[in-house]
PDB file of N, CA and C in Angstrom:
ATOM      1  N   UNK A   1      82.871 163.906  -6.709  1.00  0.00           N
ATOM      2  CA  UNK A   1      82.371 165.170  -6.514  1.00  0.00           C
ATOM      3  C   UNK A   1      81.548 165.815  -7.790  1.00  0.00           C
ATOM      4  N   UNK A   2      81.628 165.046  -8.708  1.00  0.00           N
ATOM      5  CA  UNK A   2      80.865 165.256  -9.893  1.00  0.00           C
ATOM      6  C   UNK A   2      79.417 165.244  -9.451  1.00  0.00           C
ATOM      7  N   UNK A   3      78.967 164.340  -8.865  1.00  0.00           N
ATOM      8  CA  UNK A   3      77.335 164.242  -8.493  1.00  0.00           C
ATOM      9  C   UNK A   3      77.051 165.487  -7.941  1.00  0.00           C
ATOM     10  N   UNK A   4      77.830 165.810  -6.904  1.00  0.00           N
ATOM     11  CA  UNK A   4      77.509 166.916  -6.014  1.00  0.00           C
ATOM     12  C   UNK A   4      77.293 168.125  -6.639  1.00  0.00           C
ATOM     13  N   UNK A   5      78.395 168.338  -7.684  1.00  0.00           N
ATOM     14  CA  UNK A   5      78.204 169.500  -8.454  1.00  0.00           C
ATOM     15  C   UNK A   5      76.998 169.539  -9.172  1.00  0.00           C
ATOM     16  N   UNK A   6      76.698 168.718  -9.929  1.00  0.00           N
ATOM     17  CA  UNK A   6      75.419 168.394 -10.846  1.00  0.00           C
ATOM     18  C   UNK A   6      74.374 168.556  -9.921  1.00  0.00           C
ATOM     19  N   UNK A   7      74.507 168.191  -8.633  1.00  0.00           N
ATOM     20  CA  UNK A   7      73.021 168.313  -7.737  1.00  0.00           C
ATOM     21  C   UNK A   7      73.006 169.578  -7.303  1.00  0.00           C
ATOM     22  N   UNK A   8      74.142 170.301  -7.167  1.00  0.00           N
ATOM     23  CA  UNK A   8      74.161 171.766  -6.491  1.00  0.00           C
ATOM     24  C   UNK A   8      73.777 172.672  -7.587  1.00  0.00           C
ATOM     25  N   UNK A   9      74.020 172.423  -8.738  1.00  0.00           N
ATOM     26  CA  UNK A   9      73.481 173.187  -9.940  1.00  0.00           C
ATOM     27  C   UNK A   9      72.443 173.139 -10.020  1.00  0.00           C
ATOM     28  N   UNK A  10      71.615 171.790 -10.269  1.00  0.00           N
ATOM     29  CA  UNK A  10      70.138 171.760 -10.372  1.00  0.00           C
ATOM     30  C   UNK A  10      69.633 172.297  -9.603  1.00  0.00           C
ATOM     31  N   UNK A  11      69.903 172.614  -8.271  1.00  0.00           N
ATOM     32  CA  UNK A  11      68.880 173.181  -7.048  1.00  0.00           C
ATOM     33  C   UNK A  11      69.068 174.684  -7.385  1.00  0.00           C
ATOM     34  N   UNK A  12      70.313 175.203  -7.824  1.00  0.00           N
ATOM     35  CA  UNK A  12      70.327 176.708  -7.670  1.00  0.00           C
ATOM     36  C   UNK A  12      70.129 177.192  -9.346  1.00  0.00           C
ATOM     37  N   UNK A  13      69.727 176.410  -9.942  1.00  0.00           N
ATOM     38  CA  UNK A  13      69.393 176.734 -11.452  1.00  0.00           C
ATOM     39  C   UNK A  13      70.410 177.332 -12.231  1.00  0.00           C
ATOM     40  N   UNK A  14      71.722 176.473 -12.072  1.00  0.00           N
ATOM     41  CA  UNK A  14      72.788 176.635 -12.582  1.00  0.00           C
ATOM     42  C   UNK A  14      73.665 177.636 -11.921  1.00  0.00           C
ATOM     43  N   UNK A  15      73.691 178.319 -10.951  1.00  0.00           N
ATOM     44  CA  UNK A  15      74.507 179.238 -10.406  1.00  0.00           C
ATOM     45  C   UNK A  15      75.222 179.048  -9.363  1.00  0.00           C
ATOM     46  N   UNK A  16      74.874 177.855  -8.802  1.00  0.00           N
ATOM     47  CA  UNK A  16      75.854 177.188  -7.563  1.00  0.00           C
ATOM     48  C   UNK A  16      77.142 176.832  -7.932  1.00  0.00           C
ATOM     49  N   UNK A  17      78.257 177.153  -7.139  1.00  0.00           N
ATOM     50  CA  UNK A  17      79.635 176.849  -7.317  1.00  0.00           C
ATOM     51  C   UNK A  17      79.920 176.276  -6.015  1.00  0.00           C
ATOM     52  N   UNK A  18      81.160 175.618  -6.072  1.00  0.00           N
ATOM     53  CA  UNK A  18      81.922 175.006  -4.993  1.00  0.00           C
ATOM     54  C   UNK A  18      83.634 174.980  -5.351  1.00  0.00           C
ATOM     55  N   UNK A  19      84.364 174.871  -3.878  1.00  0.00           N
ATOM     56  CA  UNK A  19      85.628 174.753  -4.515  1.00  0.00           C
ATOM     57  C   UNK A  19      86.001 173.698  -3.259  1.00  0.00           C
ATOM     58  N   UNK A  20      87.081 172.924  -3.656  1.00  0.00           N
ATOM     59  CA  UNK A  20      87.699 172.161  -2.896  1.00  0.00           C
ATOM     60  C   UNK A  20      89.177 172.667  -2.610  1.00  0.00           C
ATOM     61  N   UNK A  21      89.728 172.427  -1.454  1.00  0.00           N
ATOM     62  CA  UNK A  21      90.954 172.768  -0.995  1.00  0.00           C
ATOM     63  C   UNK A  21      91.512 171.660  -0.060  1.00  0.00           C
ATOM     64  N   UNK A  22      92.844 171.434  -0.280  1.00  0.00           N
ATOM     65  CA  UNK A  22      93.461 170.269   0.483  1.00  0.00           C
ATOM     66  C   UNK A  22      93.837 171.115   1.580  1.00  0.00           C
ATOM     67  N   UNK A  23      93.565 170.103   2.917  1.00  0.00           N
ATOM     68  CA  UNK A  23      93.780 170.712   4.145  1.00  0.00           C
ATOM     69  C   UNK A  23      94.947 170.034   4.498  1.00  0.00           C
ATOM     70  N   UNK A  24      95.347 168.832   4.244  1.00  0.00           N
ATOM     71  CA  UNK A  24      96.576 168.363   4.772  1.00  0.00           C
ATOM     72  C   UNK A  24      96.999 166.969   4.018  1.00  0.00           C
ATOM     73  N   UNK A  25      98.094 166.564   4.207  1.00  0.00           N
ATOM     74  CA  UNK A  25      98.475 165.034   3.454  1.00  0.00           C
ATOM     75  C   UNK A  25      99.271 164.523   4.699  1.00  0.00           C
ATOM     76  N   UNK A  26      98.938 163.231   4.830  1.00  0.00           N
ATOM     77  CA  UNK A  26      99.910 162.418   5.705  1.00  0.00           C
ATOM     78  C   UNK A  26     100.362 161.061   4.894  1.00  0.00           C
ATOM     79  N   UNK A  27     101.414 160.888   4.656  1.00  0.00           N
ATOM     80  CA  UNK A  27     101.990 159.732   4.017  1.00  0.00           C
ATOM     81  C   UNK A  27     101.461 158.302   4.760  1.00  0.00           C
ATOM     82  N   UNK A  28     101.141 157.438   4.048  1.00  0.00           N
ATOM     83  CA  UNK A  28     100.694 156.173   4.665  1.00  0.00           C
ATOM     84  C   UNK A  28     101.529 155.285   5.183  1.00  0.00           C
ATOM     85  N   UNK A  29     101.358 154.781   6.172  1.00  0.00           N
ATOM     86  CA  UNK A  29     102.303 154.145   7.062  1.00  0.00           C
ATOM     87  C   UNK A  29     102.057 152.483   7.221  1.00  0.00           C
ATOM     88  N   UNK A  30     103.080 151.909   7.433  1.00  0.00           N
ATOM     89  CA  UNK A  30     102.856 150.380   7.736  1.00  0.00           C
ATOM     90  C   UNK A  30     102.333 149.763   6.692  1.00  0.00           C
ATOM     91  N   UNK A  31     101.277 148.959   6.853  1.00  0.00           N
ATOM     92  CA  UNK A  31     100.738 147.861   6.056  1.00  0.00           C
ATOM     93  C   UNK A  31      99.922 148.501   4.935  1.00  0.00           C
ATOM     94  N   UNK A  32      99.409 149.636   5.293  1.00  0.00           N
ATOM     95  CA  UNK A  32      98.729 150.339   4.057  1.00  0.00           C
ATOM     96  C   UNK A  32      99.727 150.859   3.022  1.00  0.00           C
ATOM     97  N   UNK A  33     100.975 151.292   3.621  1.00  0.00           N
ATOM     98  CA  UNK A  33     101.952 151.467   2.585  1.00  0.00           C
ATOM     99  C   UNK A  33     102.393 150.333   1.849  1.00  0.00           C
ATOM    100  N   UNK A  34     102.829 149.324   2.578  1.00  0.00           N
ATOM    101  CA  UNK A  34     103.024 147.971   1.710  1.00  0.00           C
ATOM    102  C   UNK A  34     102.110 147.809   0.594  1.00  0.00           C
ATOM    103  N   UNK A  35     100.823 147.725   1.036  1.00  0.00           N
ATOM    104  CA  UNK A  35      99.723 147.414   0.225  1.00  0.00           C
ATOM    105  C   UNK A  35      99.552 148.340  -1.341  1.00  0.00           C
ATOM    106  N   UNK A  36      99.824 149.750  -0.854  1.00  0.00           N
ATOM    107  CA  UNK A  36      99.935 150.375  -1.881  1.00  0.00           C
ATOM    108  C   UNK A  36     100.954 150.473  -2.900  1.00  0.00           C
ATOM    109  N   UNK A  37     102.069 150.256  -2.376  1.00  0.00           N
ATOM    110  CA  UNK A  37     103.640 150.107  -2.882  1.00  0.00           C
ATOM    111  C   UNK A  37     103.318 148.796  -3.574  1.00  0.00           C
ATOM    112  N   UNK A  38     102.813 147.551  -3.425  1.00  0.00           N
ATOM    113  CA  UNK A  38     102.536 146.557  -4.104  1.00  0.00           C
ATOM    114  C   UNK A  38     101.765 146.609  -5.188  1.00  0.00           C
ATOM    115  N   UNK A  39     100.576 147.423  -4.982  1.00  0.00           N
ATOM    116  CA  UNK A  39      99.711 147.547  -6.199  1.00  0.00           C
ATOM    117  C   UNK A  39     100.365 148.530  -6.972  1.00  0.00           C
ATOM    118  N   UNK A  40     100.885 149.375  -6.890  1.00  0.00           N
ATOM    119  CA  UNK A  40     101.648 150.162  -7.794  1.00  0.00           C
ATOM    120  C   UNK A  40     103.021 149.681  -8.573  1.00  0.00           C
ATOM    121  N   UNK A  41     103.386 148.583  -7.764  1.00  0.00           N
ATOM    122  CA  UNK A  41     104.493 147.546  -8.454  1.00  0.00           C
ATOM    123  C   UNK A  41     105.934 148.656  -8.054  1.00  0.00           C
ATOM    124  N   UNK A  42     105.980 149.190  -6.822  1.00  0.00           N
ATOM    125  CA  UNK A  42     107.294 149.457  -6.521  1.00  0.00           C
ATOM    126  C   UNK A  42     107.624 149.328  -5.230  1.00  0.00           C
ATOM    127  N   UNK A  43     109.212 149.433  -5.048  1.00  0.00           N
ATOM    128  CA  UNK A  43     109.401 149.010  -3.408  1.00  0.00           C
ATOM    129  C   UNK A  43     109.194 149.926  -2.594  1.00  0.00           C
ATOM    130  N   UNK A  44     108.977 150.071  -1.176  1.00  0.00           N
ATOM    131  CA  UNK A  44     108.828 150.821  -0.408  1.00  0.00           C
ATOM    132  C   UNK A  44     109.686 152.234  -0.314  1.00  0.00           C
ATOM    133  N   UNK A  45     110.810 152.016  -0.502  1.00  0.00           N
ATOM    134  CA  UNK A  45     112.040 153.008  -0.539  1.00  0.00           C
ATOM    135  C   UNK A  45     111.889 153.855  -1.818  1.00  0.00           C
ATOM    136  N   UNK A  46     111.351 153.365  -2.810  1.00  0.00           N
ATOM    137  CA  UNK A  46     111.232 154.228  -4.351  1.00  0.00           C
ATOM    138  C   UNK A  46     110.022 154.624  -4.778  1.00  0.00           C
ATOM    139  N   UNK A  47     109.330 155.829  -3.794  1.00  0.00           N
ATOM    140  CA  UNK A  47     107.784 156.162  -4.218  1.00  0.00           C
ATOM    141  C   UNK A  47     108.048 157.130  -4.988  1.00  0.00           C
ATOM    142  N   UNK A  48     109.142 157.731  -5.433  1.00  0.00           N
ATOM    143  CA  UNK A  48     109.186 158.522  -6.425  1.00  0.00           C
ATOM    144  C   UNK A  48     108.840 160.193  -6.065  1.00  0.00           C
ATOM    145  N   UNK A  49     108.379 160.328  -4.808  1.00  0.00           N
ATOM    146  CA  UNK A  49     108.089 161.575  -4.435  1.00  0.00           C
ATOM    147  C   UNK A  49     109.339 162.040  -3.331  1.00  0.00           C
ATOM    148  N   UNK A  50     109.411 163.177  -3.997  1.00  0.00           N
ATOM    149  CA  UNK A  50     110.654 164.107  -2.724  1.00  0.00           C
ATOM    150  C   UNK A  50     110.145 164.291  -1.544  1.00  0.00           C
ATOM    151  N   UNK A  51     110.692 164.176  -0.554  1.00  0.00           N
ATOM    152  CA  UNK A  51     110.446 164.521   0.784  1.00  0.00           C
ATOM    153  C   UNK A  51     111.259 165.665   1.299  1.00  0.00           C
TER     154      UNK A  51
END
């Protein structure tokens, strides 16, 4: 998003602003969850996040 911010400001003479807002979140499922867990070096059951 840094590139977008720089482009916006260059087109608006430094006056342009934008914000981002999280709309939703969905926990990964199946193969994607296993892939991410392996990459982070944790087992599927210990993600560290409270649910």
